[in-house]
């Protein structure tokens, strides 16, 4: 420990991770503890840091600062970074299958000591994996990212005074096999020009630039393309979402709002799924009417995926870390060496001290 104050490293590799970890940073500071950011790789930029946020710019600085715990919304973290490694996830389980044919959300990469899960549908699988591997522990805490949403905090920059039309939020993942954006472009263009609804469009940061530019060029009085590192205000602004398999749709559902999906592979009943472009408009009309049976299924699903509505998931994460720090790591088995993975991380960060 450091003079009675705990130190927490916020370890990110994507710009959207700032919004994921900032609620945790607020909870850390409210306790009188310390938080610093570490930016890994070339897909994240320090320009998103705020004036009162501290950054450590090298592994040597991180080691000298010696954090008690490291919060990671990504999939990996090097073992030469000090502190217990805490997985807090960059989103929900959207059912995406990786190259090995496994659900990526539950892939164990031998990097983490603690998984802070969002709800029973993730807690149960990770608990089984913890029993199988023995190298990490699992605590259900809820997702800190959503704390501002449930507290009613945050800005509302996307409302238009005097415009009471329903707002459709179009989101899409970047995966070519799963992305709806290229397929539904002409239909979105047609619907936006009709002017019945106001459209907001936001894509995953890794979306192909050609698709991004195409939708940017589509902007008109009824459609706005948004680039942001924080989607929560967008979720608040919309009445219905049109999406594919992006996990952002789960965040939208947790606001008690309906989602229309295009060619969603899960076919789950809490979604209004369509496979034909011509079915998009009637599906959106149905969703905007909020039929009782659909909204009941949405509520049931949300209870399973994220039952916490108190906006205190950050505090639960910190409590879980406190418990592990107090108990120590003796109850956990040593992690597999995974030499190749850690060598790759050393090469990526150009750090070769052992």
Protein backbone atom coordinates (compact mmCIF):
# COMPACT_ATOMS: atom_id res chain seq x y z
CA UNK A 1 0.00 0.00 0.00
CA UNK A 2 1.05 3.59 -0.53
CA UNK A 3 0.72 5.85 2.58
CA UNK A 4 -2.72 4.42 3.23
CA UNK A 5 -4.00 5.41 -0.20
CA UNK A 6 -4.59 2.71 -2.80
CA UNK A 7 -3.35 3.23 -6.34
CA UNK A 8 -5.30 2.07 -9.37
CA UNK A 9 -4.04 1.94 -12.95
CA UNK A 10 -6.59 2.50 -15.73
CA UNK A 11 -5.09 0.50 -18.61
CA UNK A 12 -6.66 1.16 -22.02
CA UNK A 13 -5.90 0.56 -25.70
CA UNK A 14 -8.98 2.13 -27.36
CA UNK A 15 -10.42 5.64 -27.17
CA UNK A 16 -13.87 4.36 -26.25
CA UNK A 17 -12.36 2.89 -23.08
CA UNK A 18 -12.11 6.33 -21.47
CA UNK A 19 -15.88 6.38 -21.00
CA UNK A 20 -15.79 2.78 -19.77
CA UNK A 21 -13.40 3.50 -16.90
CA UNK A 22 -14.23 7.09 -15.92
CA UNK A 23 -17.02 6.06 -13.51
CA UNK A 24 -14.44 3.87 -11.74
CA UNK A 25 -12.04 6.81 -11.64
CA UNK A 26 -14.75 8.94 -10.00
CA UNK A 27 -15.39 6.28 -7.36
CA UNK A 28 -11.66 5.92 -6.70
CA UNK A 29 -11.22 9.66 -6.17
CA UNK A 30 -14.34 9.80 -3.98
CA UNK A 31 -12.62 7.32 -1.65
CA UNK A 32 -9.53 9.51 -1.50
CA UNK A 33 -7.46 7.02 -3.49
CA UNK A 34 -5.32 7.60 -6.59
CA UNK A 35 -5.91 6.78 -10.26
CA UNK A 36 -3.60 7.06 -13.26
CA UNK A 37 -4.10 6.24 -16.92
CA UNK A 38 -1.79 4.13 -19.07
CA UNK A 39 -2.35 4.15 -22.83
CA UNK A 40 -1.16 1.08 -24.74
CA UNK A 41 -0.77 0.89 -28.50
CA UNK A 42 -1.47 3.26 -31.38
CA UNK A 43 -5.27 3.02 -31.41
CA UNK A 44 -5.68 5.24 -28.34
CA UNK A 45 -4.73 8.89 -28.02
CA UNK A 46 -3.97 11.10 -25.03
CA UNK A 47 -6.01 13.95 -26.54
CA UNK A 48 -9.09 12.47 -24.85
CA UNK A 49 -7.54 12.91 -21.39
CA UNK A 50 -9.09 15.66 -19.31
CA UNK A 51 -7.09 18.37 -17.56
CA UNK A 52 -7.47 16.77 -14.12
CA UNK A 53 -6.57 13.24 -15.28
CA UNK A 54 -3.09 11.85 -14.73
CA UNK A 55 -1.17 9.73 -17.23
CA UNK A 56 1.83 7.45 -16.85
CA UNK A 57 3.67 7.31 -20.16
CA UNK A 58 6.06 4.36 -19.74
CA UNK A 59 6.24 0.94 -18.15
CA UNK A 60 9.05 2.24 -15.95
CA UNK A 61 6.77 4.98 -14.62
CA UNK A 62 4.05 2.41 -13.94
CA UNK A 63 6.49 0.19 -12.06
CA UNK A 64 7.75 3.12 -10.01
CA UNK A 65 4.18 4.17 -9.18
CA UNK A 66 3.43 0.53 -8.25
CA UNK A 67 -0.38 0.28 -8.53
CA UNK A 68 -2.32 -2.01 -6.21
CA UNK A 69 -4.69 -2.99 -9.02
CA UNK A 70 -5.01 -2.57 -12.78
CA UNK A 71 -8.42 -2.14 -14.43
CA UNK A 72 -8.58 -3.42 -18.00
CA UNK A 73 -11.57 -3.12 -20.37
CA UNK A 74 -9.64 -5.08 -23.01
CA UNK A 75 -8.72 -8.73 -23.44
CA UNK A 76 -5.09 -8.76 -22.32
CA UNK A 77 -2.63 -7.06 -20.00
CA UNK A 78 1.11 -7.83 -19.67
CA UNK A 79 2.30 -9.72 -16.62
CA UNK A 80 5.15 -7.24 -16.09
CA UNK A 81 2.64 -4.53 -15.11
CA UNK A 82 2.41 -4.58 -11.27
CA UNK A 83 -0.83 -4.97 -9.34
CA UNK A 84 -3.70 -7.45 -9.43
CA UNK A 85 -5.24 -7.55 -12.90
CA UNK A 86 -8.98 -6.86 -13.02
CA UNK A 87 -11.13 -7.53 -16.10
CA UNK A 88 -14.05 -5.09 -16.33
CA UNK A 89 -14.98 -5.76 -20.00
CA UNK A 90 -15.44 -3.42 -22.94
CA UNK A 91 -19.03 -4.47 -23.50
CA UNK A 92 -21.59 -7.22 -23.03
CA UNK A 93 -21.71 -10.70 -24.48
CA UNK A 94 -23.31 -10.21 -27.90
CA UNK A 95 -22.80 -13.87 -28.85
CA UNK A 96 -19.90 -13.22 -31.23
CA UNK A 97 -17.88 -16.32 -32.07
CA UNK A 98 -14.11 -16.03 -32.57
CA UNK A 99 -11.87 -17.81 -35.07
CA UNK A 100 -11.63 -20.83 -32.80
CA UNK A 101 -15.41 -21.23 -32.83
CA UNK A 102 -15.75 -20.11 -29.22
CA UNK A 103 -17.78 -17.23 -27.78
CA UNK A 104 -15.14 -14.50 -27.50
CA UNK A 105 -16.60 -12.94 -24.36
CA UNK A 106 -15.66 -16.05 -22.36
CA UNK A 107 -12.19 -16.64 -23.80
CA UNK A 108 -9.61 -17.06 -21.00
CA UNK A 109 -6.25 -15.57 -21.96
CA UNK A 110 -4.43 -16.19 -18.65
CA UNK A 111 -3.99 -12.49 -17.87
CA UNK A 112 -6.49 -11.70 -15.11
CA UNK A 113 -6.76 -12.37 -11.39
CA UNK A 114 -10.32 -11.07 -11.00
CA UNK A 115 -13.27 -10.90 -13.36
CA UNK A 116 -15.98 -8.41 -12.35
CA UNK A 117 -19.06 -9.71 -14.13
CA UNK A 118 -22.15 -7.78 -15.17
CA UNK A 119 -25.00 -10.17 -14.36
CA UNK A 120 -25.94 -13.79 -13.87
CA UNK A 121 -25.66 -14.67 -17.57
CA UNK A 122 -21.94 -13.84 -17.45
CA UNK A 123 -21.31 -14.74 -13.81
CA UNK A 124 -22.33 -18.38 -14.22
CA UNK A 125 -20.05 -19.17 -17.20
CA UNK A 126 -17.09 -17.34 -15.65
CA UNK A 127 -17.64 -19.10 -12.33
CA UNK A 128 -17.48 -22.45 -14.11
CA UNK A 129 -14.30 -21.32 -15.87
CA UNK A 130 -12.81 -20.19 -12.55
CA UNK A 131 -13.42 -23.65 -11.11
CA UNK A 132 -11.86 -25.24 -14.19
CA UNK A 133 -8.74 -23.03 -14.33
CA UNK A 134 -8.24 -22.10 -10.67
CA UNK A 135 -6.14 -19.08 -11.64
CA UNK A 136 -8.69 -16.30 -11.08
CA UNK A 137 -11.72 -15.38 -9.03
CA UNK A 138 -15.11 -14.01 -10.11
CA UNK A 139 -17.36 -11.43 -8.44
CA UNK A 140 -20.64 -10.16 -9.85
CA UNK A 141 -20.58 -6.37 -9.57
CA UNK A 142 -22.46 -4.91 -12.51
CA UNK A 143 -20.73 -2.82 -15.16
CA UNK A 144 -19.23 0.47 -13.89
CA UNK A 145 -19.64 2.06 -17.32
CA UNK A 146 -23.40 2.25 -16.81
CA UNK A 147 -23.28 4.00 -13.44
CA UNK A 148 -23.86 7.48 -14.92
CA UNK A 149 -26.81 6.16 -16.92
CA UNK A 150 -28.57 4.75 -13.89
CA UNK A 151 -27.77 7.85 -11.83
CA UNK A 152 -29.27 10.05 -14.53
CA UNK A 153 -25.98 11.89 -14.95
CA UNK A 154 -24.43 13.18 -18.14
CA UNK A 155 -25.10 15.63 -20.91
CA UNK A 156 -27.99 15.61 -23.39
CA UNK A 157 -26.36 17.15 -26.47
CA UNK A 158 -28.49 15.43 -29.12
CA UNK A 159 -31.93 16.85 -28.34
CA UNK A 160 -33.40 19.39 -30.76
CA UNK A 161 -35.72 21.99 -29.29
CA UNK A 162 -39.15 21.93 -30.89
CA UNK A 163 -38.52 18.61 -32.69
CA UNK A 164 -40.67 15.91 -31.08
CA UNK A 165 -40.24 13.27 -33.78
CA UNK A 166 -39.19 9.76 -32.67
CA UNK A 167 -35.41 9.34 -32.72
CA UNK A 168 -33.82 6.25 -34.33
CA UNK A 169 -30.25 5.43 -33.34
CA UNK A 170 -28.38 3.34 -35.93
CA UNK A 171 -25.35 1.50 -34.58
CA UNK A 172 -23.29 -1.17 -36.30
CA UNK A 173 -20.32 -3.38 -35.58
CA UNK A 174 -17.23 -3.30 -37.80
CA UNK A 175 -17.07 -7.02 -38.61
CA UNK A 176 -17.72 -7.51 -42.33
CA UNK A 177 -19.67 -10.69 -41.72
CA UNK A 178 -21.94 -9.13 -39.10
CA UNK A 179 -22.18 -5.43 -39.97
CA UNK A 180 -25.54 -4.21 -41.23
CA UNK A 181 -24.26 -0.76 -42.27
CA UNK A 182 -23.24 -1.60 -45.88
CA UNK A 183 -26.39 -3.63 -46.56
CA UNK A 184 -29.04 -1.24 -45.27
CA UNK A 185 -27.49 2.01 -46.53
CA UNK A 186 -30.04 2.66 -49.30
CA UNK A 187 -32.98 1.92 -46.98
CA UNK A 188 -31.61 4.24 -44.30
CA UNK A 189 -31.13 6.93 -46.94
CA UNK A 190 -34.72 6.49 -48.11
CA UNK A 191 -36.17 6.55 -44.59
CA UNK A 192 -34.12 9.53 -43.51
CA UNK A 193 -35.27 11.56 -46.53
CA UNK A 194 -38.91 10.78 -45.72
CA UNK A 195 -38.46 12.84 -42.56
CA UNK A 196 -40.85 10.86 -40.36
CA UNK A 197 -38.11 10.20 -37.84
CA UNK A 198 -34.90 11.88 -36.74
CA UNK A 199 -31.82 9.66 -37.22
CA UNK A 200 -28.59 9.51 -35.25
CA UNK A 201 -25.83 7.27 -36.64
CA UNK A 202 -22.83 6.00 -34.67
CA UNK A 203 -20.45 3.19 -35.61
CA UNK A 204 -17.78 1.14 -33.90
CA UNK A 205 -14.41 2.98 -34.05
CA UNK A 206 -12.98 0.19 -36.19
CA UNK A 207 -15.66 0.52 -38.88
CA UNK A 208 -14.17 0.64 -42.39
CA UNK A 209 -13.45 4.28 -43.34
CA UNK A 210 -15.32 3.92 -46.65
CA UNK A 211 -18.54 3.05 -44.80
CA UNK A 212 -18.01 5.91 -42.39
CA UNK A 213 -17.54 8.42 -45.20
CA UNK A 214 -20.57 7.09 -47.04
CA UNK A 215 -22.84 7.70 -44.05
CA UNK A 216 -21.25 11.05 -43.27
CA UNK A 217 -22.15 12.13 -46.81
CA UNK A 218 -25.73 11.04 -46.13
CA UNK A 219 -26.25 13.70 -43.44
CA UNK A 220 -29.31 15.88 -43.93
CA UNK A 221 -31.91 17.72 -41.86
CA UNK A 222 -33.15 14.38 -40.56
CA UNK A 223 -29.89 12.43 -40.09
CA UNK A 224 -26.76 13.24 -38.10
CA UNK A 225 -23.57 11.19 -38.03
CA UNK A 226 -21.94 11.16 -34.59
CA UNK A 227 -18.32 10.41 -33.72
CA UNK A 228 -17.85 10.13 -29.96
CA UNK A 229 -15.91 8.27 -27.28
CA UNK A 230 -19.02 8.14 -25.05
CA UNK A 231 -22.22 6.55 -26.36
CA UNK A 232 -24.31 7.02 -23.20
CA UNK A 233 -25.76 10.42 -24.24
CA UNK A 234 -26.70 8.88 -27.60
CA UNK A 235 -28.52 6.04 -25.88
CA UNK A 236 -30.45 8.54 -23.79
CA UNK A 237 -31.43 10.58 -26.86
CA UNK A 238 -32.99 7.77 -28.91
CA UNK A 239 -36.40 6.09 -28.72
CA UNK A 240 -35.43 2.97 -30.70
CA UNK A 241 -32.19 1.42 -31.94
CA UNK A 242 -31.47 -0.22 -35.29
CA UNK A 243 -28.45 -2.51 -34.98
CA UNK A 244 -26.89 -5.87 -35.88
CA UNK A 245 -24.85 -7.83 -33.30
CA UNK A 246 -22.96 -4.98 -31.64
CA UNK A 247 -23.02 -5.26 -27.86
CA UNK A 248 -24.06 -1.61 -27.65
CA UNK A 249 -27.60 -2.83 -28.30
CA UNK A 250 -27.58 -4.42 -24.83
CA UNK A 251 -26.76 -1.07 -23.26
CA UNK A 252 -29.75 0.38 -25.08
CA UNK A 253 -32.06 -2.40 -23.91
CA UNK A 254 -30.98 -1.68 -20.33
CA UNK A 255 -32.63 1.72 -20.66
CA UNK A 256 -35.91 -0.11 -21.17
CA UNK A 257 -36.02 0.70 -24.88
CA UNK A 258 -36.66 -1.64 -27.85
CA UNK A 259 -34.08 -2.70 -30.44
CA UNK A 260 -34.61 -3.71 -34.06
CA UNK A 261 -31.82 -5.91 -35.37
CA UNK A 262 -30.89 -6.75 -38.94
CA UNK A 263 -29.79 -10.35 -39.48
CA UNK A 264 -28.93 -10.86 -35.83
CA UNK A 265 -27.63 -14.41 -35.44
CA UNK A 266 -29.06 -14.98 -31.96
CA UNK A 267 -32.75 -14.61 -32.98
CA UNK A 268 -33.58 -13.88 -29.34
CA UNK A 269 -37.18 -12.93 -28.56
CA UNK A 270 -36.37 -9.64 -26.79
CA UNK A 271 -35.17 -8.28 -30.14
CA UNK A 272 -37.28 -7.37 -33.17
CA UNK A 273 -35.14 -9.11 -35.76
CA UNK A 274 -35.52 -8.79 -39.53
CA UNK A 275 -33.59 -10.37 -42.38
CA UNK A 276 -34.99 -8.31 -45.23
CA UNK A 277 -34.26 -4.64 -45.87
CA UNK A 278 -37.93 -4.07 -46.73
CA UNK A 279 -38.94 -5.22 -43.23
CA UNK A 280 -36.92 -2.52 -41.46
CA UNK A 281 -39.55 0.23 -41.56
CA UNK A 282 -42.47 -1.88 -40.25
CA UNK A 283 -40.16 -3.34 -37.57
CA UNK A 284 -39.21 0.15 -36.38
CA UNK A 285 -42.87 1.16 -36.34
CA UNK A 286 -43.69 -1.92 -34.26
CA UNK A 287 -40.84 -1.27 -31.83
CA UNK A 288 -41.83 2.38 -31.41
CA UNK A 289 -45.32 1.23 -30.37
CA UNK A 290 -43.66 -0.69 -27.51
CA UNK A 291 -45.95 -3.73 -27.48
CA UNK A 292 -46.41 -5.13 -23.98
CA UNK A 293 -45.16 -8.65 -24.80
CA UNK A 294 -41.93 -7.34 -26.33
CA UNK A 295 -41.22 -4.93 -23.47
CA UNK A 296 -41.85 -7.71 -20.95
CA UNK A 297 -39.23 -9.86 -22.68
CA UNK A 298 -36.81 -6.90 -22.72
CA UNK A 299 -37.27 -6.47 -18.97
CA UNK A 300 -36.74 -10.19 -18.32
CA UNK A 301 -33.57 -10.19 -20.40
CA UNK A 302 -32.19 -7.08 -18.67
CA UNK A 303 -32.68 -8.66 -15.27
CA UNK A 304 -30.45 -11.52 -16.38
CA UNK A 305 -27.76 -9.49 -18.13
CA UNK A 306 -27.45 -6.58 -15.65
CA UNK A 307 -29.82 -6.56 -12.67
CA UNK A 308 -28.21 -3.52 -11.01
CA UNK A 309 -30.03 -0.19 -11.36
CA UNK A 310 -28.46 1.73 -8.46
CA UNK A 311 -25.49 3.21 -10.31
CA UNK A 312 -23.06 1.76 -7.76
CA UNK A 313 -21.29 -0.93 -9.78
CA UNK A 314 -18.00 1.00 -9.48
CA UNK A 315 -18.18 0.77 -5.71
CA UNK A 316 -18.87 -2.97 -5.92
CA UNK A 317 -15.84 -3.43 -8.19
CA UNK A 318 -13.62 -1.58 -5.71
CA UNK A 319 -15.02 -3.67 -2.85
CA UNK A 320 -14.19 -6.86 -4.78
CA UNK A 321 -10.64 -5.59 -5.32
CA UNK A 322 -10.35 -4.70 -1.62
CA UNK A 323 -11.35 -8.24 -0.70
CA UNK A 324 -8.81 -9.83 -3.04
CA UNK A 325 -6.05 -7.49 -1.86
CA UNK A 326 -6.83 -8.39 1.74
CA UNK A 327 -7.12 -12.12 1.09
CA UNK A 328 -4.10 -12.26 -1.22
CA UNK A 329 -3.40 -14.52 -4.17
CA UNK A 330 -2.48 -17.67 -2.25
CA UNK A 331 -5.78 -19.35 -3.02
CA UNK A 332 -5.20 -19.01 -6.78
CA UNK A 333 -3.07 -21.32 -8.89
CA UNK A 334 -0.14 -19.85 -10.84
CA UNK A 335 -1.14 -18.87 -14.37
CA UNK A 336 0.22 -20.77 -17.37
CA UNK A 337 3.39 -19.15 -18.69
CA UNK A 338 1.88 -18.38 -22.07
CA UNK A 339 5.34 -17.33 -23.18
CA UNK A 340 4.41 -16.51 -26.79
CA UNK A 341 1.54 -14.18 -25.83
CA UNK A 342 3.64 -12.29 -23.31
CA UNK A 343 6.57 -12.04 -25.70
CA UNK A 344 4.22 -10.51 -28.25
CA UNK A 345 3.07 -7.97 -25.66
CA UNK A 346 6.68 -7.15 -24.78
CA UNK A 347 7.48 -6.64 -28.45
CA UNK A 348 4.41 -4.45 -28.95
CA UNK A 349 5.41 -2.27 -26.01
CA UNK A 350 9.15 -2.54 -26.69
CA UNK A 351 9.83 -3.55 -23.10
CA UNK A 352 12.49 -6.19 -22.49
CA UNK A 353 13.46 -5.85 -18.83
CA UNK A 354 12.80 -8.97 -16.78
